[in-house]
Amino acid sequence: MNLLNYITWNVDPEIFSIGPLSVRWYGLLFALAFIFGQRILTKIYVAEGRTEGDVDVITLYMIIGTVIGARLGHTLFYSPEYYLSNPIEILKIWEGGLASHGATIGILFALWLFSRKQKFDYMWVLDRIVIVVALGGALIRLGNLMNSEIIGHQTTVPWAFLFERLGENPTVPRHPTQLYESLSVFFLFVLLYWLWKKYKSALPKGLLFGIFVTALFTFRFLVEFLKEDQVAKEATMTLNIGQILSIPLILIGLFILIKVWQNPKPALPGGRLEENSKA
């Protein structure tokens, strides 16, 4: 292998520190996901007759649902034995360990609570929120790249990354799977936003959510074949944990898309509930 055919990656995860306070790329990109998401969601909501106040409330639900879901997902899906034996460790989010599948479940539950409390059409909310979730996912995967984590298998492709901070020798360039996921989710964001901007309330209810869930987790399932195992027990598994967790979400997305195709039904303007329906 020509050792010039790779990209040396040696970015410091820490941007700067002042005493015990440390600002890291992952934390910054995680925060930017919510900041940019709120701005885009405000534009969407105002264009469809809602208020900025609605966005402030849903953002709070999103932050809580994302953080709790992602943390519990990591602890229960990947290392339940350790965390159930040491439950106080679950609270140590600053030490790392967030799972996107857990975040998905947390977001879905938080938005169900939001829709019920604020009397929104749940699927209308999901169709709009996935636009900004896609952008957030792209930024968070960049954060993983800055941390030199969630790395891929060794490869000879010319765009391979040599993660110097992992202490590996220069003969093991790897697939930059974080970058693969970040770019794919960013393109998904562009597609979803374009569909909303072109059609807005004329979109069949559930279409954007169905596209998002199906596309995101299908790609996640496939890219897992290029990743190193996240935990030791995956070495003996035919499909890893990320792939197993992706399958039901892919099926849910396909089910919703089939229902949309069979009975396309636009939501009421502004996400209002159908008359006499319950949230």
Protein backbone atom coordinates (compact mmCIF):
# COMPACT_ATOMS: atom_id res chain seq x y z
CA MET A 1 0.00 0.00 0.00
CA ASN A 2 1.21 3.48 -0.83
CA LEU A 3 1.43 5.15 2.57
CA LEU A 4 0.81 8.54 0.99
CA ASN A 5 -2.75 7.51 0.17
CA TYR A 6 -4.35 8.57 3.41
CA ILE A 7 -5.23 11.67 5.39
CA THR A 8 -3.46 12.20 8.69
CA TRP A 9 -6.00 13.15 11.36
CA ASN A 10 -4.61 14.61 14.55
CA VAL A 11 -7.18 17.19 15.68
CA ASP A 12 -7.19 18.00 19.39
CA PRO A 13 -10.70 17.28 20.75
CA GLU A 14 -10.26 20.21 23.12
CA ILE A 15 -10.58 23.70 21.62
CA PHE A 16 -9.31 25.48 24.73
CA SER A 17 -9.42 25.30 28.50
CA ILE A 18 -9.47 27.82 31.32
CA GLY A 19 -8.53 26.16 34.57
CA PRO A 20 -10.86 23.20 35.08
CA LEU A 21 -13.22 24.44 32.33
CA SER A 22 -12.70 22.77 28.99
CA VAL A 23 -14.44 23.56 25.70
CA ARG A 24 -14.41 20.62 23.31
CA TRP A 25 -15.37 20.28 19.66
CA TYR A 26 -17.99 17.62 20.42
CA GLY A 27 -19.75 19.79 22.97
CA LEU A 28 -19.64 22.82 20.67
CA LEU A 29 -21.07 20.91 17.71
CA PHE A 30 -23.73 19.33 19.94
CA ALA A 31 -24.78 22.80 21.07
CA LEU A 32 -24.73 24.16 17.51
CA ALA A 33 -27.07 21.36 16.49
CA PHE A 34 -29.73 22.82 18.79
CA ILE A 35 -28.94 26.46 17.98
CA PHE A 36 -29.15 26.00 14.20
CA GLY A 37 -32.06 23.62 14.60
CA GLN A 38 -34.04 26.17 16.57
CA ARG A 39 -33.47 28.85 13.94
CA ILE A 40 -34.54 26.59 11.08
CA LEU A 41 -37.52 25.25 13.00
CA THR A 42 -38.62 28.80 13.81
CA LYS A 43 -38.62 29.60 10.09
CA ILE A 44 -40.69 26.47 9.39
CA TYR A 45 -43.19 27.10 12.18
CA VAL A 46 -43.71 30.78 11.38
CA ALA A 47 -44.18 29.96 7.68
CA GLU A 48 -46.97 27.55 8.67
CA GLY A 49 -48.76 29.88 11.06
CA ARG A 50 -47.22 28.89 14.39
CA THR A 51 -45.29 31.12 16.79
CA GLU A 52 -41.69 31.35 17.97
CA GLY A 53 -42.99 30.48 21.42
CA ASP A 54 -44.00 27.05 20.13
CA VAL A 55 -40.41 26.52 18.99
CA ASP A 56 -38.98 27.52 22.36
CA VAL A 57 -41.16 24.94 24.09
CA ILE A 58 -40.44 22.12 21.64
CA THR A 59 -36.70 22.87 21.80
CA LEU A 60 -36.75 22.30 25.56
CA TYR A 61 -38.55 18.97 25.08
CA MET A 62 -36.02 18.05 22.37
CA ILE A 63 -32.96 18.81 24.50
CA ILE A 64 -34.25 16.78 27.44
CA GLY A 65 -35.42 13.89 25.25
CA THR A 66 -32.17 13.77 23.27
CA VAL A 67 -29.79 13.83 26.21
CA ILE A 68 -31.72 11.40 28.41
CA GLY A 69 -32.53 9.06 25.53
CA ALA A 70 -29.00 9.05 24.12
CA ARG A 71 -27.43 8.40 27.51
CA LEU A 72 -29.87 5.67 28.55
CA GLY A 73 -29.56 4.14 25.09
CA HIS A 74 -25.79 3.85 25.45
CA THR A 75 -25.95 2.43 28.96
CA LEU A 76 -28.76 -0.07 28.31
CA PHE A 77 -27.97 -1.11 24.72
CA TYR A 78 -24.18 -1.37 24.86
CA SER A 79 -23.06 -1.94 28.47
CA PRO A 80 -26.11 -2.81 30.61
CA GLU A 81 -24.19 -5.14 32.92
CA TYR A 82 -21.72 -2.44 33.94
CA TYR A 83 -24.17 0.43 34.31
CA LEU A 84 -26.85 -1.55 36.12
CA SER A 85 -24.18 -2.60 38.61
CA ASN A 86 -22.89 1.00 38.84
CA PRO A 87 -26.00 3.15 38.29
CA ILE A 88 -24.30 6.36 39.45
CA GLU A 89 -22.08 6.10 36.36
CA ILE A 90 -25.14 6.67 34.17
CA LEU A 91 -25.14 10.31 35.28
CA LYS A 92 -21.55 10.94 34.13
CA ILE A 93 -22.44 12.18 30.65
CA TRP A 94 -19.25 14.25 30.50
CA GLU A 95 -17.24 11.03 30.33
CA GLY A 96 -18.84 10.17 26.98
CA GLY A 97 -21.30 7.55 25.87
CA LEU A 98 -24.33 8.66 23.86
CA ALA A 99 -26.26 6.39 21.49
CA SER A 100 -28.15 7.70 18.45
CA HIS A 101 -30.77 4.95 18.67
CA GLY A 102 -31.47 5.93 22.26
CA ALA A 103 -31.68 9.57 21.21
CA THR A 104 -34.25 8.60 18.57
CA ILE A 105 -36.45 6.87 21.14
CA GLY A 106 -36.03 9.76 23.57
CA ILE A 107 -36.99 12.32 20.91
CA LEU A 108 -40.05 10.34 19.81
CA PHE A 109 -41.29 10.08 23.39
CA ALA A 110 -40.53 13.73 24.21
CA LEU A 111 -42.36 14.93 21.10
CA TRP A 112 -45.35 12.73 21.91
CA LEU A 113 -45.51 14.43 25.31
CA PHE A 114 -45.13 17.84 23.64
CA SER A 115 -47.88 17.12 21.11
CA ARG A 116 -50.23 15.86 23.77
CA LYS A 117 -49.60 18.80 26.10
CA GLN A 118 -49.63 21.53 23.43
CA LYS A 119 -52.39 19.94 21.30
CA PHE A 120 -50.39 19.44 18.11
CA ASP A 121 -50.82 16.75 15.48
CA TYR A 122 -48.03 14.33 16.45
CA MET A 123 -47.15 13.33 12.90
CA TRP A 124 -47.09 16.98 11.77
CA VAL A 125 -44.56 17.65 14.52
CA LEU A 126 -42.46 14.64 13.50
CA ASP A 127 -42.49 15.62 9.83
CA ARG A 128 -41.02 19.04 10.67
CA ILE A 129 -38.64 18.04 13.43
CA VAL A 130 -36.81 15.44 11.34
CA ILE A 131 -35.53 18.24 9.13
CA VAL A 132 -33.53 19.77 11.96
CA VAL A 133 -32.71 16.39 13.52
CA ALA A 134 -30.96 15.48 10.26
CA LEU A 135 -28.83 18.62 10.45
CA GLY A 136 -28.10 17.94 14.11
CA GLY A 137 -27.04 14.38 13.32
CA ALA A 138 -24.57 15.66 10.73
CA LEU A 139 -22.98 18.03 13.24
CA ILE A 140 -22.80 15.44 16.01
CA ARG A 141 -21.06 12.93 13.75
CA LEU A 142 -18.50 15.65 12.99
CA GLY A 143 -18.02 15.83 16.74
CA ASN A 144 -17.24 12.11 16.74
CA LEU A 145 -14.65 12.75 14.04
CA MET A 146 -13.06 15.49 16.17
CA ASN A 147 -12.86 12.96 19.01
CA SER A 148 -11.30 10.31 16.73
CA GLU A 149 -14.01 7.88 17.85
CA ILE A 150 -16.43 5.47 16.13
CA ILE A 151 -13.69 4.60 13.65
CA GLY A 152 -13.88 2.31 10.64
CA HIS A 153 -11.97 -0.79 9.59
CA GLN A 154 -8.55 -0.63 8.00
CA THR A 155 -8.65 0.22 4.31
CA THR A 156 -6.49 1.22 1.36
CA VAL A 157 -8.89 3.74 -0.17
CA PRO A 158 -7.13 7.06 -0.88
CA TRP A 159 -9.45 9.01 1.42
CA ALA A 160 -8.66 6.81 4.42
CA PHE A 161 -7.87 8.56 7.70
CA LEU A 162 -4.92 7.78 9.93
CA PHE A 163 -6.11 8.58 13.45
CA GLU A 164 -2.84 9.51 15.10
CA ARG A 165 -4.40 10.17 18.49
CA LEU A 166 -5.29 6.50 18.76
CA GLY A 167 -1.58 5.70 18.85
CA GLU A 168 -1.70 3.42 15.83
CA ASN A 169 1.23 2.97 13.49
CA PRO A 170 1.06 4.45 9.97
CA THR A 171 0.12 1.15 8.35
CA VAL A 172 -3.49 1.22 9.57
CA PRO A 173 -5.45 3.99 7.81
CA ARG A 174 -9.15 3.52 8.37
CA HIS A 175 -12.52 4.32 6.85
CA PRO A 176 -13.66 7.73 8.19
CA THR A 177 -17.10 6.32 9.00
CA GLN A 178 -17.96 9.41 11.06
CA LEU A 179 -17.55 11.49 7.90
CA TYR A 180 -19.57 9.04 5.81
CA GLU A 181 -22.47 9.34 8.23
CA SER A 182 -22.16 13.09 8.61
CA LEU A 183 -22.27 13.69 4.84
CA SER A 184 -25.12 11.25 4.27
CA VAL A 185 -27.28 12.84 6.98
CA PHE A 186 -26.47 16.32 5.70
CA PHE A 187 -27.71 15.35 2.23
CA LEU A 188 -30.82 13.94 3.90
CA PHE A 189 -31.31 17.30 5.62
CA VAL A 190 -31.05 19.11 2.27
CA LEU A 191 -33.61 16.74 0.69
CA LEU A 192 -36.11 17.05 3.54
CA TYR A 193 -35.81 20.83 3.73
CA TRP A 194 -36.24 21.13 -0.05
CA LEU A 195 -39.36 18.96 0.03
CA TRP A 196 -40.84 21.03 2.85
CA LYS A 197 -39.98 24.37 1.21
CA LYS A 198 -41.51 23.30 -2.12
CA TYR A 199 -44.70 21.69 -0.81
CA LYS A 200 -45.15 22.69 2.86
CA SER A 201 -48.60 21.70 4.16
CA ALA A 202 -49.44 19.96 0.87
CA LEU A 203 -47.05 17.15 1.82
CA PRO A 204 -48.83 13.93 2.78
CA LYS A 205 -48.72 13.51 6.53
CA GLY A 206 -45.91 11.16 7.53
CA LEU A 207 -43.91 11.43 4.29
CA LEU A 208 -40.94 13.37 5.66
CA PHE A 209 -40.76 11.27 8.81
CA GLY A 210 -40.98 8.04 6.80
CA ILE A 211 -38.23 9.13 4.41
CA PHE A 212 -36.01 10.22 7.29
CA VAL A 213 -36.32 7.07 9.39
CA THR A 214 -36.01 4.69 6.44
CA ALA A 215 -33.04 6.45 4.82
CA LEU A 216 -31.15 7.25 8.02
CA PHE A 217 -31.26 3.80 9.53
CA THR A 218 -30.77 1.95 6.25
CA PHE A 219 -27.53 3.84 5.75
CA ARG A 220 -26.65 3.32 9.40
CA PHE A 221 -27.21 -0.43 8.96
CA LEU A 222 -24.91 -0.50 5.92
CA VAL A 223 -22.11 1.70 7.27
CA GLU A 224 -21.89 -0.50 10.38
CA PHE A 225 -20.21 -3.12 8.16
CA LEU A 226 -17.28 -0.70 7.85
CA LYS A 227 -16.99 0.13 11.56
CA GLU A 228 -14.91 -1.33 14.33
CA ASP A 229 -16.91 -2.94 17.14
CA GLN A 230 -18.10 -0.49 19.78
CA VAL A 231 -18.05 -3.11 22.57
CA ALA A 232 -16.20 -6.41 22.88
CA LYS A 233 -19.30 -8.63 22.74
CA GLU A 234 -20.02 -7.50 19.17
CA ALA A 235 -17.05 -9.56 17.96
CA THR A 236 -19.15 -12.72 18.28
CA MET A 237 -22.32 -11.26 16.76
CA THR A 238 -23.41 -11.69 13.12
CA LEU A 239 -24.98 -8.22 13.19
CA ASN A 240 -23.71 -5.66 15.64
CA ILE A 241 -25.88 -3.79 18.15
CA GLY A 242 -26.27 -0.74 15.91
CA GLN A 243 -27.56 -2.90 13.06
CA ILE A 244 -29.98 -4.85 15.27
CA LEU A 245 -31.41 -1.60 16.65
CA SER A 246 -31.71 -0.14 13.14
CA ILE A 247 -33.89 -2.94 11.75
CA PRO A 248 -37.13 -2.11 13.64
CA LEU A 249 -36.72 1.59 12.82
CA ILE A 250 -36.29 0.79 9.12
CA LEU A 251 -39.45 -1.33 9.24
CA ILE A 252 -41.36 1.47 10.97
CA GLY A 253 -40.23 3.91 8.30
CA LEU A 254 -41.25 1.59 5.48
CA PHE A 255 -44.61 0.94 7.13
CA ILE A 256 -45.30 4.69 7.33
CA LEU A 257 -44.26 5.23 3.71
CA ILE A 258 -46.57 2.42 2.56
CA LYS A 259 -49.45 3.95 4.52
CA VAL A 260 -48.70 7.35 2.99
CA TRP A 261 -48.67 5.84 -0.50
CA GLN A 262 -51.96 4.00 0.10
CA ASN A 263 -53.74 6.95 1.66
CA PRO A 264 -51.95 10.29 1.23
CA LYS A 265 -53.52 12.73 3.64
CA PRO A 266 -52.20 16.27 4.24
CA ALA A 267 -52.13 17.50 7.82
CA LEU A 268 -54.25 20.44 8.86
CA PRO A 269 -52.44 23.81 8.53
CA GLY A 270 -50.17 24.67 11.43
CA GLY A 271 -50.24 21.16 12.83
CA ARG A 272 -53.71 21.52 14.31
CA LEU A 273 -55.44 18.34 15.39
CA GLU A 274 -58.29 16.83 13.45
CA GLU A 275 -61.64 17.91 14.86
CA ASN A 276 -62.73 15.74 17.78
CA SER A 277 -59.45 13.83 17.77
CA LYS A 278 -57.18 13.32 20.73
CA ALA A 279 -53.48 14.17 20.86
